[in-house]
N, C-alpha and C. Protein backbone atom coordinates (compact mmCIF):
# COMPACT_ATOMS: atom_id res chain seq x y z
N UNK A 1 93.73 -143.38 100.72
CA UNK A 1 92.49 -143.62 101.44
C UNK A 1 92.63 -144.86 102.32
N UNK A 2 92.04 -144.85 103.51
CA UNK A 2 92.18 -145.97 104.44
C UNK A 2 91.77 -147.34 103.87
N UNK A 3 90.65 -147.48 103.15
CA UNK A 3 90.31 -148.81 102.65
C UNK A 3 91.37 -149.38 101.69
N UNK A 4 91.92 -148.56 100.82
CA UNK A 4 92.95 -149.04 99.90
C UNK A 4 94.20 -149.46 100.66
N UNK A 5 94.60 -148.69 101.65
CA UNK A 5 95.79 -149.02 102.44
C UNK A 5 95.54 -150.30 103.24
N UNK A 6 94.35 -150.45 103.80
CA UNK A 6 94.04 -151.66 104.57
C UNK A 6 94.14 -152.90 103.68
N UNK A 7 93.65 -152.80 102.45
CA UNK A 7 93.78 -153.92 101.51
C UNK A 7 95.24 -154.19 101.18
N UNK A 8 96.00 -153.14 100.96
CA UNK A 8 97.41 -153.27 100.58
C UNK A 8 98.22 -154.01 101.65
N UNK A 9 97.96 -153.72 102.91
CA UNK A 9 98.72 -154.36 103.99
C UNK A 9 98.05 -155.62 104.53
N UNK A 10 96.88 -155.95 104.01
CA UNK A 10 96.17 -157.15 104.46
C UNK A 10 95.62 -157.04 105.86
N UNK A 11 95.13 -155.86 106.21
CA UNK A 11 94.63 -155.61 107.56
C UNK A 11 93.37 -156.44 107.85
N UNK A 12 93.27 -156.91 109.09
CA UNK A 12 92.07 -157.60 109.56
C UNK A 12 91.16 -156.64 110.32
N UNK A 13 91.76 -155.54 110.80
CA UNK A 13 91.02 -154.58 111.62
C UNK A 13 91.58 -153.18 111.40
N UNK A 14 90.68 -152.21 111.26
CA UNK A 14 91.06 -150.81 111.18
C UNK A 14 90.43 -150.11 112.39
N UNK A 15 91.23 -149.34 113.11
CA UNK A 15 90.74 -148.60 114.28
C UNK A 15 90.77 -147.12 113.95
N UNK A 16 89.65 -146.45 114.15
CA UNK A 16 89.57 -145.01 113.92
C UNK A 16 89.01 -144.33 115.16
N UNK A 17 89.37 -143.08 115.33
CA UNK A 17 88.84 -142.29 116.43
C UNK A 17 87.66 -141.46 115.96
N UNK A 18 86.81 -141.09 116.90
CA UNK A 18 85.65 -140.27 116.57
C UNK A 18 85.40 -139.29 117.69
N UNK A 19 85.03 -138.08 117.31
CA UNK A 19 84.60 -137.09 118.30
C UNK A 19 83.36 -136.41 117.75
N UNK A 20 82.50 -136.00 118.66
CA UNK A 20 81.26 -135.34 118.24
C UNK A 20 81.58 -134.01 117.59
N UNK A 21 80.81 -133.65 116.58
CA UNK A 21 81.00 -132.38 115.86
C UNK A 21 79.67 -131.68 115.70
N UNK A 22 79.75 -130.39 115.46
CA UNK A 22 78.53 -129.65 115.19
C UNK A 22 78.16 -129.80 113.71
N UNK A 23 77.04 -129.28 113.33
CA UNK A 23 76.54 -129.43 111.96
C UNK A 23 77.50 -128.87 110.92
N UNK A 24 78.06 -127.70 111.17
CA UNK A 24 78.99 -127.09 110.21
C UNK A 24 80.24 -127.94 110.04
N UNK A 25 80.78 -128.46 111.12
CA UNK A 25 81.96 -129.32 111.03
C UNK A 25 81.65 -130.59 110.25
N UNK A 26 80.48 -131.18 110.45
CA UNK A 26 80.10 -132.38 109.70
C UNK A 26 79.98 -132.07 108.21
N UNK A 27 79.37 -130.94 107.89
CA UNK A 27 79.22 -130.56 106.48
C UNK A 27 80.59 -130.34 105.84
N UNK A 28 81.49 -129.66 106.55
CA UNK A 28 82.80 -129.34 106.01
C UNK A 28 83.65 -130.59 105.78
N UNK A 29 83.55 -131.56 106.68
CA UNK A 29 84.39 -132.76 106.57
C UNK A 29 83.87 -133.75 105.53
N UNK A 30 82.64 -133.60 105.11
CA UNK A 30 82.10 -134.49 104.08
C UNK A 30 81.72 -135.85 104.64
N UNK A 31 81.65 -136.83 103.76
CA UNK A 31 81.17 -138.16 104.13
C UNK A 31 82.32 -139.15 104.28
N UNK A 32 83.39 -138.75 104.92
CA UNK A 32 84.56 -139.61 105.08
C UNK A 32 84.21 -140.90 105.82
N UNK A 33 83.48 -140.78 106.91
CA UNK A 33 83.11 -141.96 107.69
C UNK A 33 82.28 -142.94 106.89
N UNK A 34 81.32 -142.43 106.15
CA UNK A 34 80.49 -143.30 105.31
C UNK A 34 81.33 -143.97 104.23
N UNK A 35 82.29 -143.26 103.67
CA UNK A 35 83.17 -143.84 102.65
C UNK A 35 83.95 -145.01 103.23
N UNK A 36 84.51 -144.83 104.42
CA UNK A 36 85.28 -145.90 105.05
C UNK A 36 84.40 -147.11 105.30
N UNK A 37 83.24 -146.90 105.90
CA UNK A 37 82.34 -148.01 106.20
C UNK A 37 81.91 -148.74 104.93
N UNK A 38 81.61 -148.01 103.89
CA UNK A 38 81.12 -148.62 102.65
C UNK A 38 82.21 -149.33 101.86
N UNK A 39 83.47 -148.97 102.03
CA UNK A 39 84.54 -149.50 101.18
C UNK A 39 85.57 -150.36 101.89
N UNK A 40 85.42 -150.54 103.17
CA UNK A 40 86.38 -151.33 103.93
C UNK A 40 86.01 -152.81 103.86
N UNK A 41 87.01 -153.66 103.63
CA UNK A 41 86.76 -155.10 103.51
C UNK A 41 87.00 -155.86 104.80
N UNK A 42 87.50 -155.19 105.83
CA UNK A 42 87.79 -155.86 107.10
C UNK A 42 86.96 -155.22 108.22
N UNK A 43 87.19 -155.69 109.43
CA UNK A 43 86.47 -155.15 110.59
C UNK A 43 86.89 -153.72 110.89
N UNK A 44 85.96 -152.98 111.48
CA UNK A 44 86.20 -151.58 111.82
C UNK A 44 85.84 -151.36 113.28
N UNK A 45 86.76 -150.74 114.03
CA UNK A 45 86.52 -150.38 115.42
C UNK A 45 86.56 -148.87 115.52
N UNK A 46 85.50 -148.28 116.04
CA UNK A 46 85.42 -146.84 116.21
C UNK A 46 85.58 -146.53 117.69
N UNK A 47 86.65 -145.81 118.04
CA UNK A 47 86.92 -145.44 119.42
C UNK A 47 86.36 -144.05 119.68
N UNK A 48 85.55 -143.92 120.72
CA UNK A 48 84.89 -142.65 121.00
C UNK A 48 85.43 -141.95 122.24
N UNK A 49 86.18 -142.64 123.06
CA UNK A 49 86.65 -142.04 124.31
C UNK A 49 88.13 -141.68 124.19
N UNK A 50 88.44 -140.42 124.50
CA UNK A 50 89.84 -140.00 124.51
C UNK A 50 90.55 -140.67 125.67
N UNK A 51 91.77 -141.18 125.39
CA UNK A 51 92.53 -141.87 126.42
C UNK A 51 94.01 -141.66 126.16
N UNK A 52 94.74 -141.32 127.21
CA UNK A 52 96.18 -141.14 127.06
C UNK A 52 96.85 -142.49 126.89
N UNK A 53 98.09 -142.49 126.41
CA UNK A 53 98.85 -143.73 126.27
C UNK A 53 99.02 -144.41 127.63
N UNK A 54 99.26 -143.64 128.66
CA UNK A 54 99.45 -144.19 130.00
C UNK A 54 98.17 -144.86 130.50
N UNK A 55 97.02 -144.22 130.28
CA UNK A 55 95.75 -144.81 130.69
C UNK A 55 95.46 -146.09 129.90
N UNK A 56 95.80 -146.08 128.61
CA UNK A 56 95.60 -147.26 127.78
C UNK A 56 96.45 -148.43 128.28
N UNK A 57 97.71 -148.16 128.57
CA UNK A 57 98.60 -149.22 129.08
C UNK A 57 98.11 -149.75 130.42
N UNK A 58 97.64 -148.87 131.28
CA UNK A 58 97.13 -149.30 132.58
C UNK A 58 95.89 -150.18 132.41
N UNK A 59 95.03 -149.81 131.47
CA UNK A 59 93.83 -150.60 131.20
C UNK A 59 94.21 -151.98 130.68
N UNK A 60 95.18 -152.04 129.77
CA UNK A 60 95.63 -153.33 129.26
C UNK A 60 96.18 -154.21 130.37
N UNK A 61 96.97 -153.62 131.25
CA UNK A 61 97.55 -154.37 132.37
C UNK A 61 96.46 -154.89 133.30
N UNK A 62 95.41 -154.12 133.51
CA UNK A 62 94.34 -154.55 134.40
C UNK A 62 93.53 -155.70 133.81
N UNK A 63 93.54 -155.83 132.50
CA UNK A 63 92.80 -156.91 131.84
C UNK A 63 93.61 -158.20 131.78
N UNK A 64 94.90 -158.12 131.98
CA UNK A 64 95.77 -159.31 131.86
C UNK A 64 95.72 -160.17 133.10
């Protein structure tokens, strides 16, 4: 589970991706997101926008 691994490696930040789902998909996947939020001891960043590696690198370069 992500919270246990984050503790094991001493993480300061966990980054997860998110995409919108319909009701059936949410029911099927369970409460994974709530589990992570409730049990994580460090900061959590939820990324909602899909981005290619090339776009990510270009964005980083533009911020430097």
